[in-house]
Amino acid sequence: MEAGLLDEIVDALTSECGIDATNIRAEALRPYLNIHPTLRLDGAVVLWRQQRISLAKAAEIAGLTVPELKEVLAARGIIRETEGKGCAEIDTKLHEICSDRSHSRHRYS
């Protein structure tokens, strides 16, 4: 069936029967994406890259675990940027930990 005819059918159902066009499209798209899991994966990756969904949500949409999705991203050459603490903050925390251990050893000696 031609795309133009499909649009006309949806328009007719919307105006004459009061059916929500968004629901029609969503219900039609759901089985299509289930038949074509690569498109579902591609859509999930695009939404994640646009920062519209989390990595966990993208994995859920794609039907993968988070580690599996990370492997897919790496295979596609997509670099994930993660936020980490700055060097100064890490150095301070390490110093605190080392100082605490040093004091603990001296108390029990």
C-alpha atoms as a PDB file:
ATOM      1  CA  MET A   1       0.000   0.000   0.000  1.00  0.00           C
ATOM      2  CA  GLU A   2       1.308   3.448  -0.892  1.00  0.00           C
ATOM      3  CA  ALA A   3       2.442   5.809   1.854  1.00  0.00           C
ATOM      4  CA  GLY A   4       0.050   8.522   0.663  1.00  0.00           C
ATOM      5  CA  LEU A   5      -2.887   6.134   0.861  1.00  0.00           C
ATOM      6  CA  LEU A   6      -1.861   5.068   4.369  1.00  0.00           C
ATOM      7  CA  ASP A   7      -1.825   8.707   5.449  1.00  0.00           C
ATOM      8  CA  GLU A   8      -5.301   9.202   3.963  1.00  0.00           C
ATOM      9  CA  ILE A   9      -6.621   6.176   5.855  1.00  0.00           C
ATOM     10  CA  VAL A  10      -5.156   7.455   9.122  1.00  0.00           C
ATOM     11  CA  ASP A  11      -6.589  10.926   8.467  1.00  0.00           C
ATOM     12  CA  ALA A  12     -10.019   9.442   7.703  1.00  0.00           C
ATOM     13  CA  LEU A  13      -9.980   7.305  10.859  1.00  0.00           C
ATOM     14  CA  THR A  14      -8.909  10.308  12.902  1.00  0.00           C
ATOM     15  CA  SER A  15     -11.589  12.651  11.584  1.00  0.00           C
ATOM     16  CA  GLU A  16     -14.497  10.225  11.140  1.00  0.00           C
ATOM     17  CA  CYS A  17     -13.936   7.766  13.994  1.00  0.00           C
ATOM     18  CA  GLY A  18     -12.143   9.913  16.535  1.00  0.00           C
ATOM     19  CA  ILE A  19      -9.148   7.566  16.624  1.00  0.00           C
ATOM     20  CA  ASP A  20      -5.862   9.113  17.755  1.00  0.00           C
ATOM     21  CA  ALA A  21      -3.348   9.135  14.870  1.00  0.00           C
ATOM     22  CA  THR A  22      -0.433   8.926  17.292  1.00  0.00           C
ATOM     23  CA  ASN A  23      -1.775   5.680  18.737  1.00  0.00           C
ATOM     24  CA  ILE A  24      -2.303   4.217  15.274  1.00  0.00           C
ATOM     25  CA  ARG A  25       1.271   4.990  14.267  1.00  0.00           C
ATOM     26  CA  ALA A  26       2.704   3.700  17.576  1.00  0.00           C
ATOM     27  CA  GLU A  27       0.745   0.447  17.379  1.00  0.00           C
ATOM     28  CA  ALA A  28       1.776  -0.038  13.743  1.00  0.00           C
ATOM     29  CA  LEU A  29       5.433   0.750  14.433  1.00  0.00           C
ATOM     30  CA  ARG A  30       5.803  -1.559  17.444  1.00  0.00           C
ATOM     31  CA  PRO A  31       5.478  -4.869  15.489  1.00  0.00           C
ATOM     32  CA  TYR A  32       7.546  -3.424  12.629  1.00  0.00           C
ATOM     33  CA  LEU A  33      10.442  -2.721  14.991  1.00  0.00           C
ATOM     34  CA  ASN A  34      10.053  -6.184  16.531  1.00  0.00           C
ATOM     35  CA  ILE A  35      10.407  -7.711  13.064  1.00  0.00           C
ATOM     36  CA  HIS A  36      13.421  -5.467  12.331  1.00  0.00           C
ATOM     37  CA  PRO A  37      15.505  -5.458  15.543  1.00  0.00           C
ATOM     38  CA  THR A  38      18.401  -3.698  13.801  1.00  0.00           C
ATOM     39  CA  LEU A  39      16.196  -0.642  13.309  1.00  0.00           C
ATOM     40  CA  ARG A  40      15.173  -0.799  16.970  1.00  0.00           C
ATOM     41  CA  LEU A  41      18.864  -0.920  17.938  1.00  0.00           C
ATOM     42  CA  ASP A  42      19.713   1.936  15.570  1.00  0.00           C
ATOM     43  CA  GLY A  43      16.890   4.043  16.993  1.00  0.00           C
ATOM     44  CA  ALA A  44      18.007   3.371  20.556  1.00  0.00           C
ATOM     45  CA  VAL A  45      21.597   4.342  19.705  1.00  0.00           C
ATOM     46  CA  VAL A  46      20.469   7.550  18.002  1.00  0.00           C
ATOM     47  CA  LEU A  47      18.334   8.562  20.982  1.00  0.00           C
ATOM     48  CA  TRP A  48      21.232   7.793  23.347  1.00  0.00           C
ATOM     49  CA  ARG A  49      23.713   9.773  21.225  1.00  0.00           C
ATOM     50  CA  GLN A  50      21.293  12.718  21.258  1.00  0.00           C
ATOM     51  CA  GLN A  51      21.275  12.387  25.079  1.00  0.00           C
ATOM     52  CA  ARG A  52      17.510  11.886  25.061  1.00  0.00           C
ATOM     53  CA  ILE A  53      17.746   8.555  26.922  1.00  0.00           C
ATOM     54  CA  SER A  54      20.231   6.868  29.235  1.00  0.00           C
ATOM     55  CA  LEU A  55      22.506   4.034  28.204  1.00  0.00           C
ATOM     56  CA  ALA A  56      20.407   1.654  30.309  1.00  0.00           C
ATOM     57  CA  LYS A  57      17.196   2.775  28.578  1.00  0.00           C
ATOM     58  CA  ALA A  58      18.859   2.404  25.164  1.00  0.00           C
ATOM     59  CA  ALA A  59      19.882  -1.138  26.066  1.00  0.00           C
ATOM     60  CA  GLU A  60      16.327  -1.904  27.201  1.00  0.00           C
ATOM     61  CA  ILE A  61      14.854  -0.568  23.947  1.00  0.00           C
ATOM     62  CA  ALA A  62      17.373  -2.549  21.906  1.00  0.00           C
ATOM     63  CA  GLY A  63      16.657  -5.718  23.873  1.00  0.00           C
ATOM     64  CA  LEU A  64      20.247  -5.954  25.098  1.00  0.00           C
ATOM     65  CA  THR A  65      22.051  -5.792  28.406  1.00  0.00           C
ATOM     66  CA  VAL A  66      24.098  -2.670  29.109  1.00  0.00           C
ATOM     67  CA  PRO A  67      27.412  -4.558  28.614  1.00  0.00           C
ATOM     68  CA  GLU A  68      26.123  -5.933  25.286  1.00  0.00           C
ATOM     69  CA  LEU A  69      25.148  -2.448  24.134  1.00  0.00           C
ATOM     70  CA  LYS A  70      28.589  -1.146  25.153  1.00  0.00           C
ATOM     71  CA  GLU A  71      30.124  -3.827  22.928  1.00  0.00           C
ATOM     72  CA  VAL A  72      27.877  -2.785  20.021  1.00  0.00           C
ATOM     73  CA  LEU A  73      28.860   0.845  20.489  1.00  0.00           C
ATOM     74  CA  ALA A  74      32.550  -0.076  20.554  1.00  0.00           C
ATOM     75  CA  ALA A  75      32.159  -2.239  17.443  1.00  0.00           C
ATOM     76  CA  ARG A  76      30.556   0.726  15.681  1.00  0.00           C
ATOM     77  CA  GLY A  77      33.419   2.976  16.748  1.00  0.00           C
ATOM     78  CA  ILE A  78      31.184   5.065  18.996  1.00  0.00           C
ATOM     79  CA  ILE A  79      33.150   6.456  21.908  1.00  0.00           C
ATOM     80  CA  ARG A  80      31.366   6.762  25.224  1.00  0.00           C
ATOM     81  CA  GLU A  81      32.468   9.710  27.304  1.00  0.00           C
ATOM     82  CA  THR A  82      32.117   9.254  31.020  1.00  0.00           C
ATOM     83  CA  GLU A  83      32.438  11.850  33.706  1.00  0.00           C
ATOM     84  CA  GLY A  84      35.009  11.249  36.347  1.00  0.00           C
ATOM     85  CA  LYS A  85      36.467  13.050  39.266  1.00  0.00           C
ATOM     86  CA  GLY A  86      39.366  15.395  38.682  1.00  0.00           C
ATOM     87  CA  CYS A  87      42.937  14.446  39.516  1.00  0.00           C
ATOM     88  CA  ALA A  88      43.059  16.838  42.474  1.00  0.00           C
ATOM     89  CA  GLU A  89      39.919  15.338  43.988  1.00  0.00           C
ATOM     90  CA  ILE A  90      41.244  11.792  43.536  1.00  0.00           C
ATOM     91  CA  ASP A  91      44.625  12.735  45.038  1.00  0.00           C
ATOM     92  CA  THR A  92      42.903  14.288  48.065  1.00  0.00           C
ATOM     93  CA  LYS A  93      40.787  11.176  48.620  1.00  0.00           C
ATOM     94  CA  LEU A  94      43.832   8.886  48.312  1.00  0.00           C
ATOM     95  CA  HIS A  95      45.718  11.035  50.802  1.00  0.00           C
ATOM     96  CA  GLU A  96      42.779  10.787  53.238  1.00  0.00           C
ATOM     97  CA  ILE A  97      42.638   7.010  52.870  1.00  0.00           C
ATOM     98  CA  CYS A  98      46.385   6.611  53.337  1.00  0.00           C
ATOM     99  CA  SER A  99      46.338   8.904  56.375  1.00  0.00           C
ATOM    100  CA  ASP A 100      43.454   6.950  57.929  1.00  0.00           C
ATOM    101  CA  ARG A 101      45.306   3.658  57.440  1.00  0.00           C
ATOM    102  CA  SER A 102      48.495   5.108  58.870  1.00  0.00           C
ATOM    103  CA  HIS A 103      46.674   6.309  61.988  1.00  0.00           C
ATOM    104  CA  SER A 104      44.899   2.949  62.369  1.00  0.00           C
ATOM    105  CA  ARG A 105      48.181   1.037  62.338  1.00  0.00           C
ATOM    106  CA  HIS A 106      49.713   3.304  64.959  1.00  0.00           C
ATOM    107  CA  ARG A 107      46.741   2.880  67.315  1.00  0.00           C
ATOM    108  CA  TYR A 108      47.042  -0.923  67.332  1.00  0.00           C
ATOM    109  CA  SER A 109      50.844  -1.095  67.550  1.00  0.00           C
END
